[in-house]
Amino acid sequence: MYDYVKPNLTGAESSIVRPAVAANNFELKPNTIQMIQQCVQFDEFCNTFKINGVSDNGIRLRLFLFR
Protein backbone atom coordinates (compact mmCIF):
# COMPACT_ATOMS: atom_id res chain seq x y z
CA MET A 1 0.00 0.00 0.00
CA TYR A 2 2.86 2.39 0.88
CA ASP A 3 4.30 2.19 -2.65
CA TYR A 4 1.04 3.48 -4.12
CA VAL A 5 0.79 6.59 -1.94
CA LYS A 6 4.49 7.53 -2.03
CA PRO A 7 5.03 10.69 -4.15
CA ASN A 8 6.78 10.18 -7.46
CA LEU A 9 9.11 13.01 -8.43
CA THR A 10 10.27 11.58 -11.73
CA GLY A 11 10.27 14.35 -14.30
CA ALA A 12 9.45 17.03 -11.73
CA GLU A 13 11.21 20.35 -12.20
CA SER A 14 11.92 23.13 -9.73
CA SER A 15 9.46 26.01 -9.71
CA ILE A 16 12.34 28.42 -9.05
CA VAL A 17 13.79 29.75 -12.28
CA ARG A 18 16.92 31.87 -12.10
CA PRO A 19 16.87 34.76 -14.56
CA ALA A 20 19.49 34.93 -17.31
CA VAL A 21 22.56 37.01 -16.54
CA ALA A 22 23.79 39.54 -19.09
CA ALA A 23 27.13 40.03 -17.32
CA ASN A 24 30.12 38.40 -19.01
CA ASN A 25 32.08 37.78 -15.84
CA PHE A 26 29.47 37.20 -13.14
CA GLU A 27 31.06 35.30 -10.28
CA LEU A 28 30.20 34.67 -6.65
CA LYS A 29 33.38 34.98 -4.63
CA PRO A 30 33.97 32.47 -1.80
CA ASN A 31 34.08 35.24 0.82
CA THR A 32 30.65 36.47 -0.35
CA ILE A 33 29.24 32.98 0.03
CA GLN A 34 30.76 32.69 3.49
CA MET A 35 29.25 36.02 4.56
CA ILE A 36 25.82 34.89 3.29
CA GLN A 37 26.04 31.73 5.37
CA GLN A 38 26.77 33.75 8.51
CA CYS A 39 24.35 36.59 7.78
CA VAL A 40 21.05 36.87 9.64
CA GLN A 41 19.40 39.50 7.41
CA PHE A 42 19.71 37.88 3.97
CA ASP A 43 17.69 40.52 2.11
CA GLU A 44 19.56 43.43 3.67
CA PHE A 45 22.90 41.85 2.80
CA CYS A 46 21.85 41.32 -0.82
CA ASN A 47 20.93 44.99 -1.07
CA THR A 48 24.50 46.04 -0.21
CA PHE A 49 25.99 45.26 -3.61
CA LYS A 50 25.08 45.52 -7.28
CA ILE A 51 26.52 43.73 -10.31
CA ASN A 52 26.14 45.24 -13.77
CA GLY A 53 23.87 43.12 -15.95
CA VAL A 54 22.45 41.13 -13.01
CA SER A 55 19.02 41.90 -11.56
CA ASP A 56 18.41 42.05 -7.81
CA ASN A 57 16.34 38.87 -8.05
CA GLY A 58 19.09 37.17 -10.03
CA ILE A 59 21.58 37.89 -7.26
CA ARG A 60 19.21 36.74 -4.51
CA LEU A 61 18.28 33.50 -6.26
CA ARG A 62 21.92 32.58 -6.80
CA LEU A 63 22.96 33.46 -3.26
CA PHE A 64 19.97 31.68 -1.69
CA LEU A 65 21.48 28.31 -2.62
CA PHE A 66 24.22 28.92 -0.07
CA ARG A 67 21.91 30.13 2.72
C-alpha atoms as a PDB file:
ATOM      1  CA  MET A   1       0.000   0.000   0.000  1.00  0.00           C
ATOM      2  CA  TYR A   2       2.859   2.392   0.880  1.00  0.00           C
ATOM      3  CA  ASP A   3       4.303   2.194  -2.650  1.00  0.00           C
ATOM      4  CA  TYR A   4       1.041   3.476  -4.125  1.00  0.00           C
ATOM      5  CA  VAL A   5       0.786   6.587  -1.942  1.00  0.00           C
ATOM      6  CA  LYS A   6       4.486   7.528  -2.031  1.00  0.00           C
ATOM      7  CA  PRO A   7       5.028  10.690  -4.155  1.00  0.00           C
ATOM      8  CA  ASN A   8       6.776  10.184  -7.462  1.00  0.00           C
ATOM      9  CA  LEU A   9       9.114  13.014  -8.432  1.00  0.00           C
ATOM     10  CA  THR A  10      10.266  11.576 -11.734  1.00  0.00           C
ATOM     11  CA  GLY A  11      10.272  14.347 -14.302  1.00  0.00           C
ATOM     12  CA  ALA A  12       9.452  17.034 -11.729  1.00  0.00           C
ATOM     13  CA  GLU A  13      11.206  20.354 -12.204  1.00  0.00           C
ATOM     14  CA  SER A  14      11.924  23.128  -9.735  1.00  0.00           C
ATOM     15  CA  SER A  15       9.463  26.008  -9.713  1.00  0.00           C
ATOM     16  CA  ILE A  16      12.340  28.422  -9.046  1.00  0.00           C
ATOM     17  CA  VAL A  17      13.791  29.745 -12.280  1.00  0.00           C
ATOM     18  CA  ARG A  18      16.921  31.868 -12.102  1.00  0.00           C
ATOM     19  CA  PRO A  19      16.875  34.760 -14.564  1.00  0.00           C
ATOM     20  CA  ALA A  20      19.488  34.927 -17.309  1.00  0.00           C
ATOM     21  CA  VAL A  21      22.561  37.012 -16.541  1.00  0.00           C
ATOM     22  CA  ALA A  22      23.788  39.545 -19.087  1.00  0.00           C
ATOM     23  CA  ALA A  23      27.130  40.028 -17.315  1.00  0.00           C
ATOM     24  CA  ASN A  24      30.124  38.398 -19.006  1.00  0.00           C
ATOM     25  CA  ASN A  25      32.077  37.778 -15.843  1.00  0.00           C
ATOM     26  CA  PHE A  26      29.466  37.200 -13.143  1.00  0.00           C
ATOM     27  CA  GLU A  27      31.056  35.296 -10.275  1.00  0.00           C
ATOM     28  CA  LEU A  28      30.196  34.674  -6.652  1.00  0.00           C
ATOM     29  CA  LYS A  29      33.384  34.979  -4.627  1.00  0.00           C
ATOM     30  CA  PRO A  30      33.966  32.466  -1.795  1.00  0.00           C
ATOM     31  CA  ASN A  31      34.084  35.240   0.819  1.00  0.00           C
ATOM     32  CA  THR A  32      30.654  36.473  -0.354  1.00  0.00           C
ATOM     33  CA  ILE A  33      29.237  32.980   0.030  1.00  0.00           C
ATOM     34  CA  GLN A  34      30.765  32.686   3.490  1.00  0.00           C
ATOM     35  CA  MET A  35      29.246  36.019   4.559  1.00  0.00           C
ATOM     36  CA  ILE A  36      25.819  34.886   3.291  1.00  0.00           C
ATOM     37  CA  GLN A  37      26.036  31.727   5.374  1.00  0.00           C
ATOM     38  CA  GLN A  38      26.770  33.752   8.511  1.00  0.00           C
ATOM     39  CA  CYS A  39      24.348  36.592   7.780  1.00  0.00           C
ATOM     40  CA  VAL A  40      21.053  36.871   9.639  1.00  0.00           C
ATOM     41  CA  GLN A  41      19.397  39.496   7.410  1.00  0.00           C
ATOM     42  CA  PHE A  42      19.707  37.883   3.971  1.00  0.00           C
ATOM     43  CA  ASP A  43      17.695  40.518   2.115  1.00  0.00           C
ATOM     44  CA  GLU A  44      19.561  43.433   3.668  1.00  0.00           C
ATOM     45  CA  PHE A  45      22.900  41.855   2.802  1.00  0.00           C
ATOM     46  CA  CYS A  46      21.850  41.317  -0.822  1.00  0.00           C
ATOM     47  CA  ASN A  47      20.932  44.994  -1.068  1.00  0.00           C
ATOM     48  CA  THR A  48      24.495  46.039  -0.208  1.00  0.00           C
ATOM     49  CA  PHE A  49      25.993  45.258  -3.612  1.00  0.00           C
ATOM     50  CA  LYS A  50      25.084  45.516  -7.285  1.00  0.00           C
ATOM     51  CA  ILE A  51      26.522  43.727 -10.305  1.00  0.00           C
ATOM     52  CA  ASN A  52      26.136  45.241 -13.773  1.00  0.00           C
ATOM     53  CA  GLY A  53      23.866  43.118 -15.949  1.00  0.00           C
ATOM     54  CA  VAL A  54      22.446  41.131 -13.013  1.00  0.00           C
ATOM     55  CA  SER A  55      19.022  41.902 -11.561  1.00  0.00           C
ATOM     56  CA  ASP A  56      18.412  42.047  -7.814  1.00  0.00           C
ATOM     57  CA  ASN A  57      16.340  38.866  -8.050  1.00  0.00           C
ATOM     58  CA  GLY A  58      19.095  37.165 -10.033  1.00  0.00           C
ATOM     59  CA  ILE A  59      21.582  37.893  -7.258  1.00  0.00           C
ATOM     60  CA  ARG A  60      19.211  36.744  -4.510  1.00  0.00           C
ATOM     61  CA  LEU A  61      18.279  33.501  -6.256  1.00  0.00           C
ATOM     62  CA  ARG A  62      21.915  32.580  -6.805  1.00  0.00           C
ATOM     63  CA  LEU A  63      22.956  33.458  -3.256  1.00  0.00           C
ATOM     64  CA  PHE A  64      19.971  31.679  -1.689  1.00  0.00           C
ATOM     65  CA  LEU A  65      21.477  28.314  -2.624  1.00  0.00           C
ATOM     66  CA  PHE A  66      24.221  28.923  -0.067  1.00  0.00           C
ATOM     67  CA  ARG A  67      21.905  30.133   2.717  1.00  0.00           C
END
